[in-house]
Amino acid sequence: MATTEPARPGFLLPLLLLAGFRTLIDDLHAELARQGHPELRPLHGFVLQAVGPDGTTATELGQRLGVSKQAAGKTVDRLVALGYLERADDPRDARRKLVRMTARGHDGLARSASVFDALRDRWAATLGPGRVSAIEDDLYTVAAADLFRLDVPGWFGT
């Protein structure tokens, strides 16, 4: 007689995915703190990614993050105070101010990428490299085509 797997409630899958995400993000920030970036928070990573290498305006940043210009401005103020972002005149339009990453912001992003690689390696050591690759492949199959969206802060806030 074949054994069947016990039924798993549907709500468990998103909770497990969120728990895995939270574990990775918490581990990332613990390591970033050890590497000299103790003030970085999960939201800041989305903001730095949304600012990008060429900078952006506060209005564009808010749109990319799915938040108001005012909410984006408050976060920019905080990251400017922490030394991760700076405001500068837009060389293409004197009426606009650009938000750009500083060397510290670039360093935080570069370290994040390196730490994420190490965390993936840790998961591969625990689960096996094939299992981690299979999880990634399966998530690519079921996730939306635009899975690398930066509007998570606004999406969570609505």
N, C-alpha and C. Protein backbone atom coordinates (compact mmCIF):
# COMPACT_ATOMS: atom_id res chain seq x y z
N MET A 1 0.84 -1.17 0.00
CA MET A 1 0.00 0.00 0.00
C MET A 1 0.89 1.24 0.00
N ALA A 2 0.58 2.18 -0.86
CA ALA A 2 1.38 3.40 -0.99
C ALA A 2 1.06 4.35 0.16
N THR A 3 2.10 4.97 0.65
CA THR A 3 1.88 5.97 1.69
C THR A 3 1.70 7.33 1.02
N THR A 4 0.86 8.10 1.62
CA THR A 4 0.63 9.43 1.07
C THR A 4 1.16 10.46 2.04
N GLU A 5 1.62 11.56 1.47
CA GLU A 5 2.13 12.65 2.28
C GLU A 5 0.96 13.34 2.97
N PRO A 6 1.13 13.71 4.22
CA PRO A 6 0.04 14.42 4.90
C PRO A 6 -0.27 15.73 4.19
N ALA A 7 -1.52 16.11 4.24
CA ALA A 7 -1.94 17.36 3.60
C ALA A 7 -1.23 18.54 4.27
N ARG A 8 -0.80 19.45 3.45
CA ARG A 8 -0.17 20.67 3.96
C ARG A 8 -1.07 21.84 3.61
N PRO A 9 -1.39 22.66 4.59
CA PRO A 9 -2.27 23.79 4.30
C PRO A 9 -1.60 24.77 3.35
N GLY A 10 -2.41 25.41 2.50
CA GLY A 10 -1.89 26.33 1.50
C GLY A 10 -1.13 27.51 2.08
N PHE A 11 -1.53 27.97 3.25
CA PHE A 11 -0.86 29.14 3.83
C PHE A 11 0.57 28.84 4.27
N LEU A 12 0.92 27.57 4.39
CA LEU A 12 2.25 27.21 4.86
C LEU A 12 3.34 27.58 3.85
N LEU A 13 3.06 27.43 2.56
CA LEU A 13 4.06 27.71 1.53
C LEU A 13 4.53 29.17 1.58
N PRO A 14 3.65 30.17 1.56
CA PRO A 14 4.17 31.54 1.63
C PRO A 14 4.88 31.83 2.95
N LEU A 15 4.43 31.21 4.03
CA LEU A 15 5.11 31.44 5.31
C LEU A 15 6.52 30.86 5.30
N LEU A 16 6.68 29.68 4.70
CA LEU A 16 8.01 29.08 4.61
C LEU A 16 8.91 29.88 3.68
N LEU A 17 8.36 30.36 2.55
CA LEU A 17 9.15 31.20 1.65
C LEU A 17 9.58 32.48 2.35
N LEU A 18 8.66 33.09 3.09
CA LEU A 18 8.98 34.30 3.83
C LEU A 18 10.03 34.02 4.91
N ALA A 19 9.90 32.89 5.59
CA ALA A 19 10.86 32.54 6.63
C ALA A 19 12.25 32.33 6.03
N GLY A 20 12.32 31.69 4.87
CA GLY A 20 13.61 31.52 4.20
C GLY A 20 14.20 32.87 3.80
N PHE A 21 13.36 33.74 3.26
CA PHE A 21 13.79 35.09 2.89
C PHE A 21 14.29 35.84 4.12
N ARG A 22 13.50 35.78 5.18
CA ARG A 22 13.86 36.48 6.42
C ARG A 22 15.18 35.96 7.00
N THR A 23 15.38 34.66 6.95
CA THR A 23 16.62 34.07 7.43
C THR A 23 17.81 34.60 6.64
N LEU A 24 17.69 34.61 5.32
CA LEU A 24 18.77 35.12 4.48
C LEU A 24 19.05 36.60 4.77
N ILE A 25 17.99 37.39 4.87
CA ILE A 25 18.16 38.83 5.09
C ILE A 25 18.73 39.11 6.48
N ASP A 26 18.26 38.40 7.49
CA ASP A 26 18.81 38.58 8.84
C ASP A 26 20.28 38.19 8.89
N ASP A 27 20.63 37.07 8.25
CA ASP A 27 22.03 36.65 8.20
C ASP A 27 22.88 37.65 7.42
N LEU A 28 22.34 38.17 6.32
CA LEU A 28 23.04 39.20 5.54
C LEU A 28 23.37 40.40 6.42
N HIS A 29 22.37 40.91 7.14
CA HIS A 29 22.58 42.12 7.91
C HIS A 29 23.48 41.89 9.13
N ALA A 30 23.46 40.71 9.68
CA ALA A 30 24.41 40.41 10.76
C ALA A 30 25.84 40.45 10.23
N GLU A 31 26.05 39.90 9.06
CA GLU A 31 27.39 39.92 8.47
C GLU A 31 27.79 41.32 8.02
N LEU A 32 26.86 42.06 7.43
CA LEU A 32 27.17 43.45 7.04
C LEU A 32 27.57 44.27 8.25
N ALA A 33 26.91 44.04 9.38
CA ALA A 33 27.27 44.75 10.60
C ALA A 33 28.70 44.42 11.00
N ARG A 34 29.08 43.15 10.90
CA ARG A 34 30.45 42.74 11.22
C ARG A 34 31.47 43.37 10.27
N GLN A 35 31.02 43.64 9.04
CA GLN A 35 31.92 44.19 8.02
C GLN A 35 31.88 45.72 7.97
N GLY A 36 31.28 46.36 8.96
CA GLY A 36 31.34 47.82 9.03
C GLY A 36 30.10 48.56 8.58
N HIS A 37 29.00 47.86 8.37
CA HIS A 37 27.75 48.50 7.95
C HIS A 37 26.61 48.15 8.91
N PRO A 38 26.75 48.46 10.19
CA PRO A 38 25.72 48.07 11.16
C PRO A 38 24.40 48.83 11.02
N GLU A 39 24.42 49.96 10.35
CA GLU A 39 23.20 50.77 10.24
C GLU A 39 22.33 50.40 9.05
N LEU A 40 22.82 49.58 8.14
CA LEU A 40 22.00 49.19 6.98
C LEU A 40 20.84 48.31 7.43
N ARG A 41 19.68 48.57 6.86
CA ARG A 41 18.46 47.82 7.15
C ARG A 41 17.93 47.22 5.85
N PRO A 42 17.05 46.23 5.91
CA PRO A 42 16.54 45.61 4.68
C PRO A 42 15.97 46.62 3.67
N LEU A 43 15.23 47.61 4.13
CA LEU A 43 14.69 48.62 3.22
C LEU A 43 15.81 49.33 2.46
N HIS A 44 16.93 49.56 3.12
CA HIS A 44 18.02 50.31 2.50
C HIS A 44 18.56 49.60 1.26
N GLY A 45 18.59 48.29 1.27
CA GLY A 45 19.05 47.55 0.10
C GLY A 45 18.18 47.82 -1.11
N PHE A 46 16.85 47.84 -0.91
CA PHE A 46 15.94 48.15 -2.01
C PHE A 46 16.20 49.57 -2.52
N VAL A 47 16.42 50.50 -1.59
CA VAL A 47 16.63 51.89 -1.96
C VAL A 47 17.93 52.03 -2.76
N LEU A 48 19.02 51.44 -2.27
CA LEU A 48 20.29 51.54 -2.98
C LEU A 48 20.19 50.94 -4.38
N GLN A 49 19.50 49.81 -4.49
CA GLN A 49 19.30 49.20 -5.81
C GLN A 49 18.49 50.12 -6.71
N ALA A 50 17.45 50.75 -6.16
CA ALA A 50 16.58 51.62 -6.95
C ALA A 50 17.30 52.91 -7.36
N VAL A 51 18.22 53.39 -6.54
CA VAL A 51 19.01 54.58 -6.91
C VAL A 51 19.88 54.23 -8.12
N GLY A 52 20.48 53.06 -8.09
CA GLY A 52 21.27 52.60 -9.22
C GLY A 52 22.59 53.34 -9.38
N PRO A 53 23.38 52.91 -10.34
CA PRO A 53 24.72 53.48 -10.51
C PRO A 53 24.73 54.92 -11.03
N ASP A 54 23.66 55.34 -11.70
CA ASP A 54 23.62 56.67 -12.29
C ASP A 54 22.85 57.69 -11.47
N GLY A 55 22.24 57.25 -10.38
CA GLY A 55 21.44 58.14 -9.57
C GLY A 55 20.03 58.29 -10.12
N THR A 56 19.21 58.99 -9.36
CA THR A 56 17.81 59.20 -9.74
C THR A 56 17.28 60.40 -8.96
N THR A 57 16.08 60.80 -9.26
CA THR A 57 15.44 61.85 -8.48
C THR A 57 14.59 61.22 -7.39
N ALA A 58 14.19 62.02 -6.40
CA ALA A 58 13.34 61.50 -5.33
C ALA A 58 12.00 61.03 -5.89
N THR A 59 11.47 61.75 -6.86
CA THR A 59 10.19 61.34 -7.47
C THR A 59 10.32 59.99 -8.15
N GLU A 60 11.37 59.84 -8.96
CA GLU A 60 11.60 58.56 -9.65
C GLU A 60 11.87 57.45 -8.65
N LEU A 61 12.59 57.76 -7.60
CA LEU A 61 12.88 56.77 -6.57
C LEU A 61 11.59 56.28 -5.92
N GLY A 62 10.71 57.20 -5.58
CA GLY A 62 9.42 56.82 -5.01
C GLY A 62 8.65 55.91 -5.95
N GLN A 63 8.65 56.22 -7.24
CA GLN A 63 7.94 55.39 -8.22
C GLN A 63 8.55 53.99 -8.29
N ARG A 64 9.86 53.93 -8.30
CA ARG A 64 10.54 52.62 -8.37
C ARG A 64 10.25 51.77 -7.14
N LEU A 65 10.15 52.43 -5.98
CA LEU A 65 9.91 51.70 -4.72
C LEU A 65 8.44 51.48 -4.44
N GLY A 66 7.57 52.15 -5.19
CA GLY A 66 6.13 52.03 -4.95
C GLY A 66 5.68 52.78 -3.72
N VAL A 67 6.39 53.87 -3.39
CA VAL A 67 6.04 54.69 -2.22
C VAL A 67 5.91 56.15 -2.68
N SER A 68 5.40 56.99 -1.80
CA SER A 68 5.27 58.40 -2.13
C SER A 68 6.64 59.08 -2.21
N LYS A 69 6.66 60.24 -2.89
CA LYS A 69 7.89 61.02 -2.96
C LYS A 69 8.35 61.40 -1.55
N GLN A 70 7.38 61.69 -0.67
CA GLN A 70 7.71 62.07 0.70
C GLN A 70 8.36 60.91 1.46
N ALA A 71 7.80 59.72 1.31
CA ALA A 71 8.37 58.54 1.98
C ALA A 71 9.77 58.26 1.44
N ALA A 72 9.93 58.36 0.13
CA ALA A 72 11.26 58.16 -0.46
C ALA A 72 12.22 59.22 0.07
N GLY A 73 11.74 60.47 0.17
CA GLY A 73 12.59 61.56 0.66
C GLY A 73 13.06 61.33 2.08
N LYS A 74 12.19 60.81 2.94
CA LYS A 74 12.58 60.52 4.34
C LYS A 74 13.68 59.46 4.38
N THR A 75 13.54 58.43 3.56
CA THR A 75 14.55 57.38 3.54
C THR A 75 15.86 57.91 2.97
N VAL A 76 15.76 58.74 1.93
CA VAL A 76 16.96 59.36 1.37
C VAL A 76 17.65 60.21 2.43
N ASP A 77 16.87 61.01 3.18
CA ASP A 77 17.45 61.83 4.24
C ASP A 77 18.25 60.97 5.21
N ARG A 78 17.68 59.83 5.59
CA ARG A 78 18.35 58.94 6.54
C ARG A 78 19.64 58.38 5.94
N LEU A 79 19.58 57.95 4.68
CA LEU A 79 20.77 57.37 4.04
C LEU A 79 21.83 58.42 3.72
N VAL A 80 21.42 59.66 3.51
CA VAL A 80 22.38 60.76 3.36
C VAL A 80 23.08 60.97 4.70
N ALA A 81 22.30 61.01 5.79
CA ALA A 81 22.88 61.21 7.12
C ALA A 81 23.85 60.08 7.49
N LEU A 82 23.59 58.88 7.00
CA LEU A 82 24.45 57.74 7.29
C LEU A 82 25.64 57.63 6.33
N GLY A 83 25.64 58.46 5.29
CA GLY A 83 26.76 58.48 4.36
C GLY A 83 26.64 57.53 3.18
N TYR A 84 25.46 56.96 2.94
CA TYR A 84 25.28 56.01 1.83
C TYR A 84 24.82 56.69 0.55
N LEU A 85 24.14 57.83 0.69
CA LEU A 85 23.65 58.58 -0.47
C LEU A 85 24.07 60.03 -0.34
N GLU A 86 24.01 60.73 -1.47
CA GLU A 86 24.24 62.17 -1.49
C GLU A 86 23.26 62.79 -2.48
N ARG A 87 22.99 64.06 -2.27
CA ARG A 87 22.18 64.82 -3.21
C ARG A 87 23.13 65.69 -4.02
N ALA A 88 22.86 65.79 -5.33
CA ALA A 88 23.72 66.58 -6.20
C ALA A 88 22.86 67.21 -7.30
N ASP A 89 23.37 68.28 -7.89
CA ASP A 89 22.68 68.90 -9.02
C ASP A 89 22.71 67.94 -10.20
N ASP A 90 21.63 67.92 -10.95
CA ASP A 90 21.55 67.10 -12.17
C ASP A 90 22.25 67.88 -13.28
N PRO A 91 23.32 67.34 -13.85
CA PRO A 91 24.04 68.07 -14.90
C PRO A 91 23.20 68.29 -16.16
N ARG A 92 22.13 67.52 -16.33
CA ARG A 92 21.28 67.65 -17.52
C ARG A 92 20.13 68.62 -17.32
N ASP A 93 19.81 68.93 -16.05
CA ASP A 93 18.68 69.81 -15.77
C ASP A 93 18.91 70.49 -14.42
N ALA A 94 19.25 71.76 -14.45
CA ALA A 94 19.61 72.49 -13.22
C ALA A 94 18.45 72.58 -12.23
N ARG A 95 17.22 72.33 -12.67
CA ARG A 95 16.07 72.40 -11.77
C ARG A 95 15.91 71.13 -10.94
N ARG A 96 16.62 70.09 -11.31
CA ARG A 96 16.47 68.80 -10.63
C ARG A 96 17.65 68.50 -9.73
N LYS A 97 17.34 67.77 -8.67
CA LYS A 97 18.38 67.24 -7.77
C LYS A 97 18.43 65.73 -7.98
N LEU A 98 19.63 65.23 -8.07
CA LEU A 98 19.82 63.78 -8.16
C LEU A 98 20.18 63.22 -6.79
N VAL A 99 19.76 62.00 -6.57
CA VAL A 99 20.18 61.22 -5.42
C VAL A 99 21.16 60.20 -5.98
N ARG A 100 22.38 60.18 -5.42
CA ARG A 100 23.41 59.26 -5.90
C ARG A 100 24.02 58.51 -4.74
N MET A 101 24.53 57.33 -5.06
CA MET A 101 25.26 56.57 -4.05
C MET A 101 26.64 57.16 -3.84
N THR A 102 27.09 57.12 -2.60
CA THR A 102 28.45 57.49 -2.26
C THR A 102 29.32 56.24 -2.36
N ALA A 103 30.60 56.42 -2.12
CA ALA A 103 31.50 55.26 -2.08
C ALA A 103 31.04 54.27 -1.01
N ARG A 104 30.52 54.78 0.12
CA ARG A 104 30.02 53.90 1.18
C ARG A 104 28.81 53.10 0.70
N GLY A 105 27.94 53.75 -0.06
CA GLY A 105 26.78 53.04 -0.62
C GLY A 105 27.20 51.94 -1.58
N HIS A 106 28.14 52.26 -2.46
CA HIS A 106 28.65 51.23 -3.38
C HIS A 106 29.30 50.08 -2.62
N ASP A 107 30.03 50.41 -1.57
CA ASP A 107 30.68 49.38 -0.76
C ASP A 107 29.63 48.47 -0.09
N GLY A 108 28.57 49.08 0.44
CA GLY A 108 27.51 48.29 1.08
C GLY A 108 26.87 47.32 0.09
N LEU A 109 26.60 47.80 -1.13
CA LEU A 109 26.01 46.92 -2.14
C LEU A 109 26.97 45.82 -2.57
N ALA A 110 28.23 46.17 -2.76
CA ALA A 110 29.21 45.15 -3.16
C ALA A 110 29.36 44.08 -2.08
N ARG A 111 29.42 44.52 -0.82
CA ARG A 111 29.53 43.55 0.27
C ARG A 111 28.26 42.69 0.35
N SER A 112 27.10 43.29 0.12
CA SER A 112 25.85 42.52 0.13
C SER A 112 25.89 41.40 -0.89
N ALA A 113 26.35 41.72 -2.10
CA ALA A 113 26.43 40.70 -3.16
C ALA A 113 27.35 39.56 -2.74
N SER A 114 28.48 39.90 -2.16
CA SER A 114 29.44 38.89 -1.72
C SER A 114 28.86 38.04 -0.59
N VAL A 115 28.18 38.68 0.35
CA VAL A 115 27.58 37.94 1.47
C VAL A 115 26.47 37.03 0.96
N PHE A 116 25.65 37.52 0.02
CA PHE A 116 24.60 36.65 -0.54
C PHE A 116 25.20 35.41 -1.19
N ASP A 117 26.33 35.56 -1.88
CA ASP A 117 27.00 34.39 -2.47
C ASP A 117 27.42 33.41 -1.38
N ALA A 118 27.97 33.94 -0.29
CA ALA A 118 28.38 33.07 0.83
C ALA A 118 27.18 32.39 1.48
N LEU A 119 26.07 33.11 1.61
CA LEU A 119 24.87 32.51 2.20
C LEU A 119 24.30 31.41 1.29
N ARG A 120 24.33 31.65 -0.02
CA ARG A 120 23.87 30.61 -0.94
C ARG A 120 24.76 29.37 -0.79
N ASP A 121 26.07 29.60 -0.67
CA ASP A 121 27.00 28.48 -0.48
C ASP A 121 26.69 27.73 0.82
N ARG A 122 26.32 28.46 1.87
CA ARG A 122 25.97 27.83 3.14
C ARG A 122 24.72 26.96 2.98
N TRP A 123 23.72 27.48 2.26
CA TRP A 123 22.52 26.67 2.01
C TRP A 123 22.89 25.44 1.19
N ALA A 124 23.76 25.60 0.21
CA ALA A 124 24.17 24.46 -0.61
C ALA A 124 24.92 23.43 0.22
N ALA A 125 25.70 23.86 1.19
CA ALA A 125 26.40 22.93 2.07
C ALA A 125 25.42 22.17 2.96
N THR A 126 24.32 22.83 3.33
CA THR A 126 23.31 22.20 4.19
C THR A 126 22.37 21.28 3.41
N LEU A 127 21.88 21.78 2.28
CA LEU A 127 20.86 21.06 1.51
C LEU A 127 21.43 20.27 0.34
N GLY A 128 22.61 20.63 -0.08
CA GLY A 128 23.21 20.06 -1.28
C GLY A 128 23.06 21.05 -2.43
N PRO A 129 24.11 21.19 -3.25
CA PRO A 129 24.06 22.17 -4.34
C PRO A 129 22.93 21.90 -5.33
N GLY A 130 22.66 20.62 -5.60
CA GLY A 130 21.57 20.28 -6.53
C GLY A 130 20.21 20.70 -6.02
N ARG A 131 20.00 20.55 -4.72
CA ARG A 131 18.70 20.96 -4.12
C ARG A 131 18.52 22.46 -4.21
N VAL A 132 19.58 23.21 -3.91
CA VAL A 132 19.47 24.68 -3.97
C VAL A 132 19.20 25.11 -5.41
N SER A 133 19.91 24.52 -6.36
CA SER A 133 19.66 24.85 -7.76
C SER A 133 18.24 24.47 -8.17
N ALA A 134 17.76 23.33 -7.68
CA ALA A 134 16.39 22.91 -8.00
C ALA A 134 15.36 23.87 -7.41
N ILE A 135 15.59 24.33 -6.19
CA ILE A 135 14.69 25.32 -5.57
C ILE A 135 14.66 26.58 -6.43
N GLU A 136 15.83 27.06 -6.82
CA GLU A 136 15.90 28.26 -7.66
C GLU A 136 15.18 28.04 -8.99
N ASP A 137 15.44 26.89 -9.63
CA ASP A 137 14.78 26.59 -10.90
C ASP A 137 13.26 26.56 -10.75
N ASP A 138 12.80 25.91 -9.68
CA ASP A 138 11.36 25.83 -9.45
C ASP A 138 10.76 27.20 -9.19
N LEU A 139 11.45 28.03 -8.44
CA LEU A 139 10.93 29.38 -8.17
C LEU A 139 10.91 30.22 -9.44
N TYR A 140 11.92 30.08 -10.31
CA TYR A 140 11.89 30.75 -11.60
C TYR A 140 10.67 30.32 -12.41
N THR A 141 10.30 29.05 -12.31
CA THR A 141 9.17 28.52 -13.06
C THR A 141 7.84 29.13 -12.60
N VAL A 142 7.68 29.32 -11.30
CA VAL A 142 6.38 29.77 -10.79
C VAL A 142 6.32 31.27 -10.51
N ALA A 143 7.45 31.94 -10.44
CA ALA A 143 7.45 33.37 -10.12
C ALA A 143 7.08 34.19 -11.35
N ALA A 144 6.58 35.39 -11.10
CA ALA A 144 6.24 36.31 -12.18
C ALA A 144 7.49 36.64 -12.99
N ALA A 145 7.29 36.96 -14.26
CA ALA A 145 8.42 37.24 -15.14
C ALA A 145 9.25 38.43 -14.66
N ASP A 146 8.63 39.38 -13.98
CA ASP A 146 9.35 40.56 -13.50
C ASP A 146 9.68 40.41 -12.01
N LEU A 147 10.27 39.27 -11.66
CA LEU A 147 10.50 38.95 -10.25
C LEU A 147 11.49 39.87 -9.56
N PHE A 148 12.30 40.61 -10.29
CA PHE A 148 13.28 41.47 -9.65
C PHE A 148 12.76 42.90 -9.54
N ARG A 149 11.57 43.03 -9.01
CA ARG A 149 10.95 44.34 -8.81
C ARG A 149 11.46 44.95 -7.51
N LEU A 150 11.56 46.26 -7.51
CA LEU A 150 12.06 46.96 -6.33
C LEU A 150 10.94 47.62 -5.53
N ASP A 151 9.69 47.40 -5.92
CA ASP A 151 8.57 48.08 -5.25
C ASP A 151 8.05 47.32 -4.04
N VAL A 152 8.85 46.42 -3.51
CA VAL A 152 8.44 45.64 -2.33
C VAL A 152 8.08 46.54 -1.16
N PRO A 153 8.85 47.61 -0.88
CA PRO A 153 8.46 48.47 0.27
C PRO A 153 7.04 49.01 0.13
N GLY A 154 6.69 49.49 -1.05
CA GLY A 154 5.34 50.00 -1.25
C GLY A 154 4.30 48.89 -1.26
N TRP A 155 4.66 47.74 -1.81
CA TRP A 155 3.74 46.63 -1.88
C TRP A 155 3.41 46.11 -0.48
N PHE A 156 4.41 46.01 0.37
CA PHE A 156 4.17 45.58 1.75
C PHE A 156 3.38 46.62 2.52
N GLY A 157 3.56 47.89 2.18
CA GLY A 157 2.92 48.95 2.92
C GLY A 157 1.48 49.21 2.54
N THR A 158 0.99 48.60 1.45
CA THR A 158 -0.38 48.86 1.03
C THR A 158 -1.34 47.85 1.56
